[in-house]
N, C-alpha and C. Protein backbone atom coordinates (compact mmCIF):
# COMPACT_ATOMS: atom_id res chain seq x y z
N MET A 1 -0.51 -11.99 8.46
CA MET A 1 -0.26 -10.70 7.86
C MET A 1 -1.59 -10.08 7.47
N HIS A 2 -1.73 -8.80 7.76
CA HIS A 2 -2.95 -8.07 7.44
C HIS A 2 -2.59 -6.91 6.51
N VAL A 3 -3.17 -6.91 5.33
CA VAL A 3 -2.87 -5.92 4.29
C VAL A 3 -4.11 -5.06 4.06
N LEU A 4 -3.91 -3.77 3.92
CA LEU A 4 -4.97 -2.85 3.50
C LEU A 4 -4.69 -2.46 2.06
N PHE A 5 -5.68 -2.70 1.18
CA PHE A 5 -5.54 -2.30 -0.22
C PHE A 5 -6.53 -1.18 -0.48
N VAL A 6 -6.00 0.00 -0.77
CA VAL A 6 -6.82 1.19 -1.07
C VAL A 6 -6.83 1.33 -2.59
N GLU A 7 -7.95 0.98 -3.20
CA GLU A 7 -8.06 0.88 -4.66
C GLU A 7 -9.52 1.01 -5.05
N ASP A 8 -9.81 1.87 -6.02
CA ASP A 8 -11.19 2.09 -6.41
C ASP A 8 -11.75 1.02 -7.36
N ASP A 9 -10.90 0.25 -8.00
CA ASP A 9 -11.35 -0.74 -8.96
C ASP A 9 -11.56 -2.11 -8.28
N ALA A 10 -12.79 -2.59 -8.29
CA ALA A 10 -13.14 -3.84 -7.61
C ALA A 10 -12.39 -5.03 -8.20
N MET A 11 -12.17 -5.06 -9.50
CA MET A 11 -11.47 -6.18 -10.12
C MET A 11 -10.01 -6.23 -9.65
N ASN A 12 -9.36 -5.08 -9.59
CA ASN A 12 -7.98 -5.05 -9.09
C ASN A 12 -7.91 -5.53 -7.65
N ARG A 13 -8.89 -5.14 -6.83
CA ARG A 13 -8.92 -5.60 -5.44
C ARG A 13 -9.11 -7.11 -5.38
N ARG A 14 -9.96 -7.64 -6.20
CA ARG A 14 -10.22 -9.09 -6.19
C ARG A 14 -8.98 -9.88 -6.60
N VAL A 15 -8.28 -9.41 -7.63
CA VAL A 15 -7.07 -10.10 -8.10
C VAL A 15 -6.03 -10.14 -6.99
N VAL A 16 -5.79 -9.02 -6.33
CA VAL A 16 -4.79 -8.97 -5.27
C VAL A 16 -5.25 -9.79 -4.07
N ARG A 17 -6.53 -9.74 -3.73
CA ARG A 17 -7.05 -10.55 -2.63
C ARG A 17 -6.78 -12.02 -2.88
N ASP A 18 -7.03 -12.48 -4.12
CA ASP A 18 -6.79 -13.88 -4.46
C ASP A 18 -5.30 -14.23 -4.36
N MET A 19 -4.43 -13.32 -4.75
CA MET A 19 -2.99 -13.56 -4.62
C MET A 19 -2.60 -13.70 -3.15
N LEU A 20 -3.11 -12.81 -2.31
CA LEU A 20 -2.75 -12.83 -0.90
C LEU A 20 -3.28 -14.06 -0.19
N LYS A 21 -4.41 -14.59 -0.64
CA LYS A 21 -4.96 -15.80 -0.05
C LYS A 21 -3.99 -16.97 -0.19
N VAL A 22 -3.22 -16.98 -1.27
CA VAL A 22 -2.26 -18.07 -1.52
C VAL A 22 -1.29 -18.21 -0.36
N VAL A 23 -0.91 -17.10 0.26
CA VAL A 23 0.04 -17.15 1.37
C VAL A 23 -0.65 -16.97 2.73
N GLY A 24 -1.97 -17.03 2.73
CA GLY A 24 -2.71 -16.94 3.98
C GLY A 24 -2.81 -15.55 4.57
N ALA A 25 -2.57 -14.53 3.77
CA ALA A 25 -2.67 -13.15 4.26
C ALA A 25 -4.12 -12.69 4.22
N GLU A 26 -4.47 -11.85 5.17
CA GLU A 26 -5.79 -11.25 5.23
C GLU A 26 -5.73 -9.88 4.56
N MET A 27 -6.75 -9.55 3.76
CA MET A 27 -6.78 -8.25 3.09
C MET A 27 -8.07 -7.53 3.41
N SER A 28 -7.93 -6.30 3.86
CA SER A 28 -9.06 -5.39 4.00
C SER A 28 -9.04 -4.46 2.81
N GLU A 29 -10.21 -3.97 2.42
CA GLU A 29 -10.33 -3.16 1.21
C GLU A 29 -10.97 -1.83 1.49
N ALA A 30 -10.44 -0.80 0.83
CA ALA A 30 -11.05 0.53 0.85
C ALA A 30 -11.19 0.99 -0.59
N GLU A 31 -12.36 1.49 -0.94
CA GLU A 31 -12.62 1.94 -2.31
C GLU A 31 -12.10 3.33 -2.60
N ASP A 32 -11.70 4.05 -1.57
CA ASP A 32 -11.17 5.40 -1.77
C ASP A 32 -10.23 5.73 -0.62
N ALA A 33 -9.45 6.78 -0.81
CA ALA A 33 -8.42 7.14 0.16
C ALA A 33 -9.00 7.57 1.50
N GLU A 34 -10.10 8.29 1.47
CA GLU A 34 -10.71 8.74 2.72
C GLU A 34 -11.11 7.55 3.58
N THR A 35 -11.72 6.54 2.97
CA THR A 35 -12.10 5.33 3.70
C THR A 35 -10.87 4.61 4.22
N GLY A 36 -9.83 4.54 3.40
CA GLY A 36 -8.59 3.90 3.81
C GLY A 36 -7.99 4.57 5.04
N LEU A 37 -7.98 5.89 5.05
CA LEU A 37 -7.44 6.62 6.21
C LEU A 37 -8.25 6.33 7.47
N ARG A 38 -9.57 6.24 7.34
CA ARG A 38 -10.41 5.90 8.50
C ARG A 38 -10.12 4.48 8.97
N MET A 39 -9.90 3.57 8.04
CA MET A 39 -9.64 2.18 8.41
C MET A 39 -8.31 2.05 9.15
N ILE A 40 -7.33 2.86 8.80
CA ILE A 40 -6.05 2.84 9.49
C ILE A 40 -6.24 3.24 10.96
N GLU A 41 -7.17 4.14 11.21
CA GLU A 41 -7.46 4.55 12.59
C GLU A 41 -8.00 3.38 13.41
N ASP A 42 -8.81 2.54 12.78
CA ASP A 42 -9.58 1.53 13.51
C ASP A 42 -8.95 0.14 13.55
N ASP A 43 -7.90 -0.12 12.80
CA ASP A 43 -7.36 -1.47 12.72
C ASP A 43 -5.85 -1.43 12.57
N SER A 44 -5.23 -2.59 12.68
CA SER A 44 -3.78 -2.71 12.52
C SER A 44 -3.46 -3.42 11.21
N TYR A 45 -2.50 -2.90 10.49
CA TYR A 45 -2.08 -3.48 9.21
C TYR A 45 -0.57 -3.63 9.21
N ASN A 46 -0.10 -4.63 8.46
CA ASN A 46 1.34 -4.82 8.29
C ASN A 46 1.86 -4.07 7.08
N VAL A 47 1.00 -3.94 6.06
CA VAL A 47 1.37 -3.29 4.80
C VAL A 47 0.14 -2.59 4.24
N ILE A 48 0.36 -1.44 3.60
CA ILE A 48 -0.70 -0.75 2.87
C ILE A 48 -0.33 -0.77 1.40
N LEU A 49 -1.26 -1.19 0.57
CA LEU A 49 -1.14 -1.08 -0.89
C LEU A 49 -2.01 0.09 -1.29
N MET A 50 -1.44 1.06 -2.02
CA MET A 50 -2.16 2.31 -2.30
C MET A 50 -2.16 2.62 -3.79
N ASP A 51 -3.36 2.70 -4.36
CA ASP A 51 -3.52 3.16 -5.73
C ASP A 51 -3.26 4.67 -5.76
N LEU A 52 -2.86 5.18 -6.90
CA LEU A 52 -2.62 6.63 -7.01
C LEU A 52 -3.85 7.39 -7.45
N ARG A 53 -4.52 6.90 -8.47
CA ARG A 53 -5.62 7.64 -9.08
C ARG A 53 -6.96 7.08 -8.61
N MET A 54 -7.62 7.86 -7.74
CA MET A 54 -8.93 7.48 -7.22
C MET A 54 -9.81 8.71 -7.18
N PRO A 55 -11.11 8.50 -7.19
CA PRO A 55 -12.01 9.65 -7.03
C PRO A 55 -11.78 10.30 -5.67
N GLY A 56 -11.92 11.60 -5.60
CA GLY A 56 -11.68 12.30 -4.35
C GLY A 56 -10.19 12.45 -4.11
N MET A 57 -9.75 12.11 -2.92
CA MET A 57 -8.34 12.24 -2.56
C MET A 57 -7.50 11.23 -3.34
N ASP A 58 -6.36 11.68 -3.86
CA ASP A 58 -5.47 10.75 -4.57
C ASP A 58 -4.56 10.02 -3.59
N GLY A 59 -3.90 8.99 -4.08
CA GLY A 59 -3.06 8.15 -3.23
C GLY A 59 -1.87 8.88 -2.63
N LEU A 60 -1.26 9.79 -3.38
CA LEU A 60 -0.11 10.52 -2.84
C LEU A 60 -0.49 11.41 -1.67
N THR A 61 -1.65 12.04 -1.76
CA THR A 61 -2.13 12.86 -0.65
C THR A 61 -2.39 11.99 0.57
N ALA A 62 -2.99 10.82 0.35
CA ALA A 62 -3.24 9.90 1.46
C ALA A 62 -1.93 9.44 2.10
N ILE A 63 -0.92 9.15 1.29
CA ILE A 63 0.38 8.74 1.82
C ILE A 63 0.97 9.87 2.67
N GLN A 64 0.90 11.08 2.18
CA GLN A 64 1.43 12.21 2.95
C GLN A 64 0.71 12.36 4.30
N GLN A 65 -0.60 12.11 4.30
CA GLN A 65 -1.35 12.20 5.56
C GLN A 65 -0.94 11.09 6.53
N ILE A 66 -0.69 9.91 6.01
CA ILE A 66 -0.23 8.80 6.86
C ILE A 66 1.14 9.16 7.45
N ARG A 67 2.04 9.64 6.61
CA ARG A 67 3.40 9.97 7.07
C ARG A 67 3.41 11.13 8.06
N ALA A 68 2.39 11.98 8.04
CA ALA A 68 2.32 13.13 8.94
C ALA A 68 1.76 12.77 10.32
N ARG A 69 1.33 11.53 10.49
CA ARG A 69 0.80 11.10 11.79
C ARG A 69 1.89 11.18 12.86
N HIS A 70 1.45 11.20 14.11
CA HIS A 70 2.39 11.26 15.23
C HIS A 70 2.32 10.00 16.08
N ASP A 71 2.10 8.86 15.42
CA ASP A 71 2.07 7.58 16.11
C ASP A 71 2.80 6.55 15.26
N THR A 72 2.80 5.31 15.70
CA THR A 72 3.54 4.27 14.99
C THR A 72 2.97 3.98 13.61
N LYS A 73 1.72 4.33 13.37
CA LYS A 73 1.11 4.08 12.06
C LYS A 73 1.74 4.94 10.97
N ALA A 74 2.43 5.99 11.34
CA ALA A 74 3.13 6.84 10.36
C ALA A 74 4.22 6.07 9.64
N ALA A 75 4.71 5.02 10.25
CA ALA A 75 5.81 4.25 9.66
C ALA A 75 5.34 2.98 8.94
N LEU A 76 4.03 2.80 8.79
CA LEU A 76 3.53 1.62 8.09
C LEU A 76 4.14 1.52 6.70
N PRO A 77 4.58 0.33 6.30
CA PRO A 77 5.10 0.18 4.94
C PRO A 77 3.97 0.43 3.91
N ILE A 78 4.28 1.25 2.92
CA ILE A 78 3.29 1.59 1.88
C ILE A 78 3.89 1.28 0.51
N ILE A 79 3.15 0.47 -0.24
CA ILE A 79 3.53 0.15 -1.62
C ILE A 79 2.49 0.77 -2.54
N VAL A 80 2.94 1.63 -3.42
CA VAL A 80 2.05 2.21 -4.42
C VAL A 80 1.83 1.16 -5.50
N VAL A 81 0.56 1.00 -5.90
CA VAL A 81 0.18 0.09 -6.97
C VAL A 81 -0.47 0.97 -8.04
N THR A 82 0.20 1.10 -9.19
CA THR A 82 -0.27 2.06 -10.18
C THR A 82 -0.13 1.54 -11.60
N ALA A 83 -0.97 2.08 -12.48
CA ALA A 83 -0.85 1.81 -13.91
C ALA A 83 -0.06 2.92 -14.59
N ASP A 84 0.31 3.94 -13.84
CA ASP A 84 1.06 5.08 -14.37
C ASP A 84 2.50 4.64 -14.68
N THR A 85 2.89 4.79 -15.94
CA THR A 85 4.23 4.37 -16.36
C THR A 85 5.15 5.55 -16.66
N ALA A 86 4.79 6.73 -16.18
CA ALA A 86 5.65 7.90 -16.39
C ALA A 86 7.03 7.62 -15.83
N LEU A 87 8.04 8.12 -16.49
CA LEU A 87 9.42 7.85 -16.09
C LEU A 87 9.73 8.28 -14.66
N ASP A 88 9.11 9.36 -14.20
CA ASP A 88 9.43 9.89 -12.88
C ASP A 88 8.45 9.44 -11.79
N ILE A 89 7.54 8.53 -12.11
CA ILE A 89 6.50 8.15 -11.14
C ILE A 89 7.11 7.51 -9.89
N ARG A 90 8.07 6.63 -10.06
CA ARG A 90 8.69 5.97 -8.91
C ARG A 90 9.35 6.99 -7.98
N ALA A 91 10.15 7.87 -8.56
CA ALA A 91 10.84 8.89 -7.77
C ALA A 91 9.84 9.80 -7.07
N SER A 92 8.77 10.16 -7.76
CA SER A 92 7.75 11.02 -7.18
C SER A 92 7.06 10.35 -5.99
N CYS A 93 6.73 9.08 -6.15
CA CYS A 93 6.05 8.35 -5.07
C CYS A 93 6.97 8.19 -3.86
N LEU A 94 8.23 7.84 -4.11
CA LEU A 94 9.18 7.68 -3.01
C LEU A 94 9.41 9.01 -2.29
N ALA A 95 9.46 10.10 -3.04
CA ALA A 95 9.65 11.42 -2.44
C ALA A 95 8.46 11.82 -1.55
N LYS A 96 7.28 11.33 -1.87
CA LYS A 96 6.08 11.66 -1.09
C LYS A 96 5.87 10.72 0.09
N GLY A 97 6.75 9.70 0.24
CA GLY A 97 6.66 8.84 1.41
C GLY A 97 6.36 7.38 1.15
N ALA A 98 6.16 6.98 -0.10
CA ALA A 98 5.95 5.56 -0.40
C ALA A 98 7.26 4.80 -0.19
N ASP A 99 7.14 3.54 0.16
CA ASP A 99 8.33 2.70 0.34
C ASP A 99 8.71 1.95 -0.92
N ASP A 100 7.74 1.71 -1.80
CA ASP A 100 8.02 1.00 -3.04
C ASP A 100 6.88 1.28 -4.01
N VAL A 101 7.10 0.93 -5.27
CA VAL A 101 6.11 1.13 -6.32
C VAL A 101 6.08 -0.11 -7.18
N ILE A 102 4.88 -0.65 -7.43
CA ILE A 102 4.73 -1.75 -8.38
C ILE A 102 3.67 -1.36 -9.39
N LEU A 103 3.80 -1.93 -10.58
CA LEU A 103 2.91 -1.56 -11.68
C LEU A 103 1.78 -2.56 -11.86
N LYS A 104 0.64 -2.02 -12.32
CA LYS A 104 -0.50 -2.85 -12.72
C LYS A 104 -0.29 -3.26 -14.17
N PRO A 105 -0.76 -4.39 -14.58
CA PRO A 105 -1.43 -5.39 -13.74
C PRO A 105 -0.44 -6.02 -12.78
N VAL A 106 -0.89 -6.22 -11.56
CA VAL A 106 -0.02 -6.74 -10.51
C VAL A 106 0.31 -8.20 -10.78
N ALA A 107 1.59 -8.51 -10.75
CA ALA A 107 2.05 -9.89 -10.87
C ALA A 107 2.35 -10.40 -9.47
N MET A 108 1.99 -11.65 -9.20
CA MET A 108 2.18 -12.22 -7.87
C MET A 108 3.64 -12.12 -7.42
N LYS A 109 4.55 -12.46 -8.29
CA LYS A 109 5.98 -12.43 -7.94
C LYS A 109 6.41 -11.02 -7.55
N GLN A 110 5.96 -10.03 -8.31
CA GLN A 110 6.29 -8.63 -8.04
C GLN A 110 5.71 -8.18 -6.70
N LEU A 111 4.46 -8.54 -6.44
CA LEU A 111 3.80 -8.15 -5.20
C LEU A 111 4.51 -8.76 -3.99
N PHE A 112 4.78 -10.06 -4.05
CA PHE A 112 5.40 -10.73 -2.91
C PHE A 112 6.84 -10.28 -2.70
N ALA A 113 7.55 -9.97 -3.77
CA ALA A 113 8.92 -9.48 -3.63
C ALA A 113 8.93 -8.12 -2.93
N ALA A 114 8.03 -7.24 -3.33
CA ALA A 114 7.97 -5.91 -2.71
C ALA A 114 7.55 -6.01 -1.24
N MET A 115 6.55 -6.83 -0.95
CA MET A 115 6.09 -6.98 0.42
C MET A 115 7.17 -7.61 1.29
N GLY A 116 7.83 -8.63 0.76
CA GLY A 116 8.88 -9.31 1.52
C GLY A 116 10.01 -8.38 1.87
N LYS A 117 10.43 -7.58 0.91
CA LYS A 117 11.52 -6.63 1.13
C LYS A 117 11.16 -5.64 2.25
N LEU A 118 9.93 -5.15 2.24
CA LEU A 118 9.52 -4.18 3.26
C LEU A 118 9.36 -4.83 4.63
N MET A 119 8.88 -6.05 4.66
CA MET A 119 8.70 -6.73 5.94
C MET A 119 10.05 -7.04 6.58
N VAL A 120 11.04 -7.44 5.77
CA VAL A 120 12.38 -7.70 6.29
C VAL A 120 12.98 -6.40 6.84
N ALA A 121 12.82 -5.31 6.10
CA ALA A 121 13.34 -4.02 6.56
C ALA A 121 12.67 -3.59 7.87
N ALA A 122 11.37 -3.82 7.99
CA ALA A 122 10.65 -3.45 9.22
C ALA A 122 11.15 -4.27 10.40
N GLU A 123 11.40 -5.55 10.19
CA GLU A 123 11.91 -6.41 11.26
C GLU A 123 13.31 -5.98 11.69
N ARG A 124 14.12 -5.58 10.73
CA ARG A 124 15.47 -5.12 11.06
C ARG A 124 15.43 -3.84 11.90
N ARG A 125 14.49 -2.93 11.54
CA ARG A 125 14.35 -1.69 12.32
C ARG A 125 13.94 -2.00 13.75
N LYS A 126 13.03 -2.95 13.92
CA LYS A 126 12.57 -3.32 15.27
C LYS A 126 13.70 -3.92 16.08
N ALA A 127 14.55 -4.69 15.44
CA ALA A 127 15.65 -5.37 16.14
C ALA A 127 16.76 -4.41 16.53
N SER A 128 16.84 -3.27 15.87
CA SER A 128 17.93 -2.31 16.15
C SER A 128 17.71 -1.55 17.43
């Protein structure tokens, strides 16, 4: 499994990278949304983890740009990873094209549950 984590905070990236190593997943990192979008062009990912608040382009704008693509990468599973606890944040993220939302600090159980759910759904879509 290859995961792209778009997150401006190096410590958050390190924590998630260490979690993913436990299950043998590979993680690529982007410090901002613009870099993340370029990386999607150049590589294949199974899941994208996207922070919302970053310098420059925010995560929701990046998600909308991914969803607007005209290739298979438009359907990449995207999990928003945010510290924002506003009551409507989940609904807002899902409306903009995210597949799921998890809160920081990221818990391993929460991360793997969200990723597992999306991977199962993706496999079901392929089988249909």
